Amino acid sequence: MLELRNPHSVLAALAVRPKAVRSVRVSSHQTGTPWDDVARVAASKSITVSVGRAESGPSHRRDTERTGAGSARIEPPSPVPLGTLWKSVPSSEAEYGIWLALDQVQDPQNLGAIFRLAGFFGVRGIVLTKDKSAPVNATVCDVATGGVEHVPFALVSNLTQALLQARKADLWTLGTCERSDSSIRDVRADRHWLLVMGNEGDGLRRLTRKTCDSLVSLPAIGRVPSLNVAAATSACLTALTMK
C-alpha cells in the first residue's frame, strides 16, 4: 500500500481507479486547498475520509510538518503487458505517437518527473526495466502528479527484446547517445517513435544502443554541457512534438 502526499496525484487516482484508494486523511486546519477537493471526491465515492483535530502547540506543528495537509492510502499502480502498449498505435498516418523506454533509470525523483512529462506530452506508454530501476513507489507517484495514472507502463526483463517487439509493431526506436553526430532537433515527426533514454550515470547500455534504429544526441547550446535524465527527456519530447 502506498501513502501519497500530493493531492493532485490522489485526485488522479480517484478519477482513474477509485477502488484503489482505500482511505484519505486531511488536516482540519487546512481549508481552500486541493485536499478539500480530495475529501469531497473521496466522500462522493464512499471512501473513508478522516479529519485531524485542529490543535496548536509544538507537537501539532511537528506533526503538520511530517504529514502535510493530508495523505491517502492507495494500492500501487499495476504494469500492463508489453503488447498492450502497442495496441494504442494509431492506424492513421496523421496521428503519429511517441512512446518512452527507460534503460535502468534508478532515481525515483527522475522517474516520477518523467511520468509527469509523459502525461503532459501525451506519451502513449513507458517501458521500464525490472532490474536496476527505481520501482513505481509513493515517491514516484507523488512526483508524477497524476502521470502514473494516465500513462500505462510495462516492466520487462530484457529491454533489447522489448525494442525488437516495438519494431514489429511499426514503432521506430530512437536512442539517445551524447556521442552521436545526429541531433534530435533534426528528427522528423513522420513516424511512430519509441524514445529510449539511458541511465543517470552511464546512459544507454551497449546492446541497447546497438538495437536502436537511430541514435541521436541533444547538443548543448549554452555553456552547461549536460542535463539529468528527466530534464533531457523534457527537451527530447519537446523536440519531437513541437514540429
Protein backbone atom coordinates (compact mmCIF):
# COMPACT_ATOMS: atom_id res chain seq x y z
CA MET A 1 0.00 0.00 0.00
CA LEU A 2 1.31 3.46 -0.92
CA GLU A 3 0.84 6.60 1.15
CA LEU A 4 0.61 9.59 -1.18
CA ARG A 5 1.04 13.20 -0.05
CA ASN A 6 0.40 15.03 -3.34
CA PRO A 7 -3.32 15.86 -3.60
CA HIS A 8 -3.13 16.09 -7.39
CA SER A 9 -1.78 12.55 -7.56
CA VAL A 10 -4.61 11.39 -5.30
CA LEU A 11 -7.24 13.18 -7.40
CA ALA A 12 -5.89 11.44 -10.50
CA ALA A 13 -6.15 8.07 -8.76
CA LEU A 14 -9.72 8.87 -7.69
CA ALA A 15 -10.59 9.66 -11.29
CA VAL A 16 -8.87 6.68 -12.93
CA ARG A 17 -9.07 3.85 -10.36
CA PRO A 18 -11.13 4.97 -7.38
CA LYS A 19 -11.39 1.45 -5.95
CA ALA A 20 -7.63 1.53 -5.37
CA VAL A 21 -7.99 4.46 -2.93
CA ARG A 22 -8.52 2.89 0.48
CA SER A 23 -8.64 5.93 2.75
CA VAL A 24 -7.96 9.66 2.90
CA ARG A 25 -6.75 11.78 5.81
CA VAL A 26 -6.96 15.56 5.84
CA SER A 27 -5.99 18.15 8.46
CA SER A 28 -8.92 20.15 9.73
CA HIS A 29 -6.90 23.35 9.88
CA GLN A 30 -6.38 23.24 6.09
CA THR A 31 -9.08 24.98 4.07
CA GLY A 32 -9.20 26.14 0.48
CA THR A 33 -6.56 23.64 -0.61
CA PRO A 34 -6.66 20.82 -3.17
CA TRP A 35 -7.11 18.44 -0.23
CA ASP A 36 -10.61 19.86 0.15
CA ASP A 37 -11.32 18.57 -3.38
CA VAL A 38 -9.76 15.22 -2.48
CA ALA A 39 -12.00 14.87 0.59
CA ARG A 40 -15.10 15.86 -1.37
CA VAL A 41 -14.45 13.47 -4.26
CA ALA A 42 -13.45 10.62 -1.93
CA ALA A 43 -16.61 11.06 0.15
CA SER A 44 -18.74 11.03 -3.01
CA LYS A 45 -17.24 7.62 -3.82
CA SER A 46 -17.88 6.27 -0.30
CA ILE A 47 -14.18 6.24 0.59
CA THR A 48 -13.30 6.71 4.24
CA VAL A 49 -12.16 10.27 4.97
CA SER A 50 -10.70 11.05 8.39
CA VAL A 51 -10.22 14.62 9.62
CA GLY A 52 -7.44 15.54 12.04
CA ARG A 53 -8.01 17.79 15.02
CA ALA A 54 -7.01 21.43 14.72
CA GLU A 55 -4.67 21.53 17.70
CA SER A 56 -1.98 24.05 18.45
CA GLY A 57 1.43 23.88 20.02
CA PRO A 58 4.86 22.47 19.13
CA SER A 59 3.73 18.85 18.83
CA HIS A 60 0.99 19.79 16.36
CA ARG A 61 3.45 21.84 14.31
CA ARG A 62 5.85 18.90 14.15
CA ASP A 63 3.03 16.59 13.07
CA THR A 64 1.94 19.04 10.35
CA GLU A 65 5.48 19.29 9.05
CA ARG A 66 5.68 15.50 8.92
CA THR A 67 2.32 14.70 7.37
CA GLY A 68 1.45 17.87 5.46
CA ALA A 69 -2.14 18.85 4.73
CA GLY A 70 -3.25 15.33 4.02
CA SER A 71 -2.43 11.85 2.75
CA ALA A 72 -4.11 8.90 1.12
CA ARG A 73 -3.53 5.14 1.24
CA ILE A 74 -3.66 3.79 -2.30
CA GLU A 75 -2.91 0.45 -3.91
CA PRO A 76 0.17 0.60 -6.16
CA PRO A 77 -0.47 1.02 -9.89
CA SER A 78 -0.08 -2.17 -11.89
CA PRO A 79 2.05 -2.59 -15.01
CA VAL A 80 0.40 -3.78 -18.21
CA PRO A 81 1.64 -6.50 -20.60
CA LEU A 82 4.13 -5.10 -23.07
CA GLY A 83 1.90 -5.82 -26.04
CA THR A 84 -0.83 -3.66 -24.53
CA LEU A 85 1.34 -0.59 -25.04
CA TRP A 86 1.38 -1.15 -28.78
CA LYS A 87 -2.38 -1.62 -29.05
CA SER A 88 -2.74 2.15 -28.98
CA VAL A 89 -0.67 2.58 -32.18
CA PRO A 90 -2.81 4.87 -34.36
CA SER A 91 -3.71 3.47 -37.76
CA SER A 92 -3.80 6.90 -39.38
CA GLU A 93 -0.51 8.44 -40.53
CA ALA A 94 -1.87 11.80 -39.38
CA GLU A 95 -1.69 10.61 -35.76
CA TYR A 96 1.89 9.62 -35.11
CA GLY A 97 2.56 8.74 -31.47
CA ILE A 98 5.50 8.75 -29.07
CA TRP A 99 6.42 6.08 -26.53
CA LEU A 100 9.24 6.03 -23.98
CA ALA A 101 11.66 3.32 -22.89
CA LEU A 102 13.93 3.85 -19.88
CA ASP A 103 17.16 1.88 -19.66
CA GLN A 104 17.63 1.39 -15.90
CA VAL A 105 16.66 4.84 -14.58
CA GLN A 106 17.31 4.47 -10.86
CA ASP A 107 16.34 7.75 -9.18
CA PRO A 108 12.65 7.78 -8.13
CA GLN A 109 12.57 11.57 -8.41
CA ASN A 110 13.71 11.32 -12.02
CA LEU A 111 11.25 8.53 -12.76
CA GLY A 112 8.38 10.49 -11.24
CA ALA A 113 9.33 13.59 -13.24
CA ILE A 114 9.45 11.52 -16.44
CA PHE A 115 5.97 10.12 -15.77
CA ARG A 116 4.72 13.68 -15.28
CA LEU A 117 6.35 14.75 -18.55
CA ALA A 118 4.84 11.75 -20.29
CA GLY A 119 1.39 12.74 -19.11
CA PHE A 120 1.96 16.33 -20.23
CA PHE A 121 3.29 15.46 -23.70
CA GLY A 122 0.76 12.72 -24.40
CA VAL A 123 3.24 9.84 -24.40
CA ARG A 124 1.29 6.64 -25.11
CA GLY A 125 3.24 4.29 -22.85
CA ILE A 126 6.50 3.70 -20.99
CA VAL A 127 8.73 0.63 -20.98
CA LEU A 128 10.67 0.11 -17.72
CA THR A 129 13.34 -2.46 -16.95
CA LYS A 130 12.75 -4.77 -14.00
CA ASP A 131 16.38 -4.82 -12.88
CA LYS A 132 18.39 -1.86 -11.59
CA SER A 133 15.46 0.53 -11.99
CA ALA A 134 13.52 2.60 -9.49
CA PRO A 135 10.23 0.95 -8.52
CA VAL A 136 6.97 2.81 -9.10
CA ASN A 137 6.59 3.71 -5.42
CA ALA A 138 4.95 6.52 -3.44
CA THR A 139 7.73 8.98 -4.27
CA VAL A 140 7.36 8.32 -7.98
CA CYS A 141 3.57 8.68 -7.82
CA ASP A 142 3.73 11.91 -5.82
CA VAL A 143 6.32 13.50 -8.13
CA ALA A 144 4.41 12.33 -11.21
CA THR A 145 1.37 14.43 -10.16
CA GLY A 146 -1.05 12.08 -11.88
CA GLY A 147 1.23 10.92 -14.69
CA VAL A 148 1.40 7.37 -13.35
CA GLU A 149 -2.39 7.13 -13.54
CA HIS A 150 -2.67 8.40 -17.09
CA VAL A 151 0.33 6.77 -18.80
CA PRO A 152 0.43 2.94 -18.94
CA PHE A 153 3.75 1.26 -18.25
CA ALA A 154 5.22 -2.19 -18.78
CA LEU A 155 8.03 -3.90 -16.86
CA VAL A 156 10.41 -6.01 -18.96
CA SER A 157 13.31 -8.30 -18.11
CA ASN A 158 15.00 -7.77 -21.46
CA LEU A 159 14.89 -4.27 -22.92
CA THR A 160 16.52 -5.38 -26.18
CA GLN A 161 13.70 -7.85 -26.83
CA ALA A 162 11.16 -5.16 -25.98
CA LEU A 163 12.71 -2.84 -28.57
CA LEU A 164 12.50 -5.59 -31.18
CA GLN A 165 8.83 -6.12 -30.34
CA ALA A 166 8.22 -2.40 -30.72
CA ARG A 167 9.79 -2.55 -34.18
CA LYS A 168 7.34 -5.31 -35.16
CA ALA A 169 4.51 -3.00 -34.05
CA ASP A 170 5.69 -0.35 -36.54
CA LEU A 171 7.50 1.82 -33.99
CA TRP A 172 10.95 3.21 -34.74
CA THR A 173 13.38 3.13 -31.83
CA LEU A 174 15.28 6.34 -31.23
CA GLY A 175 18.12 6.05 -28.73
CA THR A 176 19.81 9.00 -27.05
CA CYS A 177 23.61 9.00 -27.03
CA GLU A 178 25.83 12.01 -26.40
CA ARG A 179 28.43 10.64 -28.84
CA SER A 180 26.03 10.62 -31.79
CA ASP A 181 26.65 13.13 -34.57
CA SER A 182 22.93 13.39 -35.30
CA SER A 183 20.82 15.87 -33.33
CA ILE A 184 17.35 15.11 -32.07
CA ARG A 185 16.40 18.59 -33.27
CA ASP A 186 16.69 17.27 -36.83
CA VAL A 187 14.47 14.20 -36.32
CA ARG A 188 11.32 14.31 -38.42
CA ALA A 189 7.93 13.63 -36.88
CA ASP A 190 6.91 11.36 -39.74
CA ARG A 191 6.57 8.05 -37.88
CA HIS A 192 5.84 6.46 -34.52
CA TRP A 193 8.86 6.92 -32.26
CA LEU A 194 9.92 4.94 -29.21
CA LEU A 195 12.33 7.32 -27.49
CA VAL A 196 14.91 5.43 -25.42
CA MET A 197 16.51 7.29 -22.50
CA GLY A 198 19.51 5.97 -20.58
CA ASN A 199 20.64 5.55 -17.01
CA GLU A 200 21.59 8.65 -14.99
CA GLY A 201 25.29 7.82 -14.97
CA ASP A 202 26.10 5.53 -17.88
CA GLY A 203 23.41 6.35 -20.43
CA LEU A 204 22.26 3.56 -22.73
CA ARG A 205 23.88 0.16 -22.42
CA ARG A 206 25.89 -1.10 -25.40
CA LEU A 207 23.31 -3.66 -26.56
CA THR A 208 20.50 -1.13 -26.18
CA ARG A 209 22.39 1.31 -28.40
CA LYS A 210 23.07 -1.42 -30.95
CA THR A 211 19.39 -2.40 -31.12
CA CYS A 212 18.01 1.12 -31.70
CA ASP A 213 17.12 2.12 -35.26
CA SER A 214 18.76 5.52 -34.81
CA LEU A 215 20.94 7.27 -32.25
CA VAL A 216 20.72 10.98 -31.60
CA SER A 217 22.33 13.46 -29.24
CA LEU A 218 20.98 16.57 -27.54
CA PRO A 219 23.71 19.15 -28.25
CA ALA A 220 24.07 21.95 -25.71
CA ILE A 221 23.53 25.48 -26.95
CA GLY A 222 24.90 27.17 -23.83
CA ARG A 223 27.89 26.61 -21.57
CA VAL A 224 26.33 23.83 -19.44
CA PRO A 225 27.21 20.59 -21.28
CA SER A 226 24.60 18.15 -19.97
CA LEU A 227 21.22 17.58 -18.33
CA ASN A 228 19.90 14.96 -15.92
CA VAL A 229 17.70 12.29 -17.47
CA ALA A 230 14.40 13.97 -16.54
CA ALA A 231 15.43 17.33 -17.98
CA ALA A 232 16.87 15.62 -21.06
CA THR A 233 13.60 13.73 -21.54
CA SER A 234 11.73 17.03 -21.42
CA ALA A 235 14.00 18.56 -24.05
CA CYS A 236 13.78 15.48 -26.30
CA LEU A 237 9.98 15.29 -26.08
CA THR A 238 9.79 18.99 -26.89
CA ALA A 239 11.99 18.47 -29.94
CA LEU A 240 9.85 15.57 -31.16
CA THR A 241 6.43 17.10 -30.53
CA MET A 242 6.94 20.75 -31.41
CA LYS A 243 7.35 20.21 -35.15
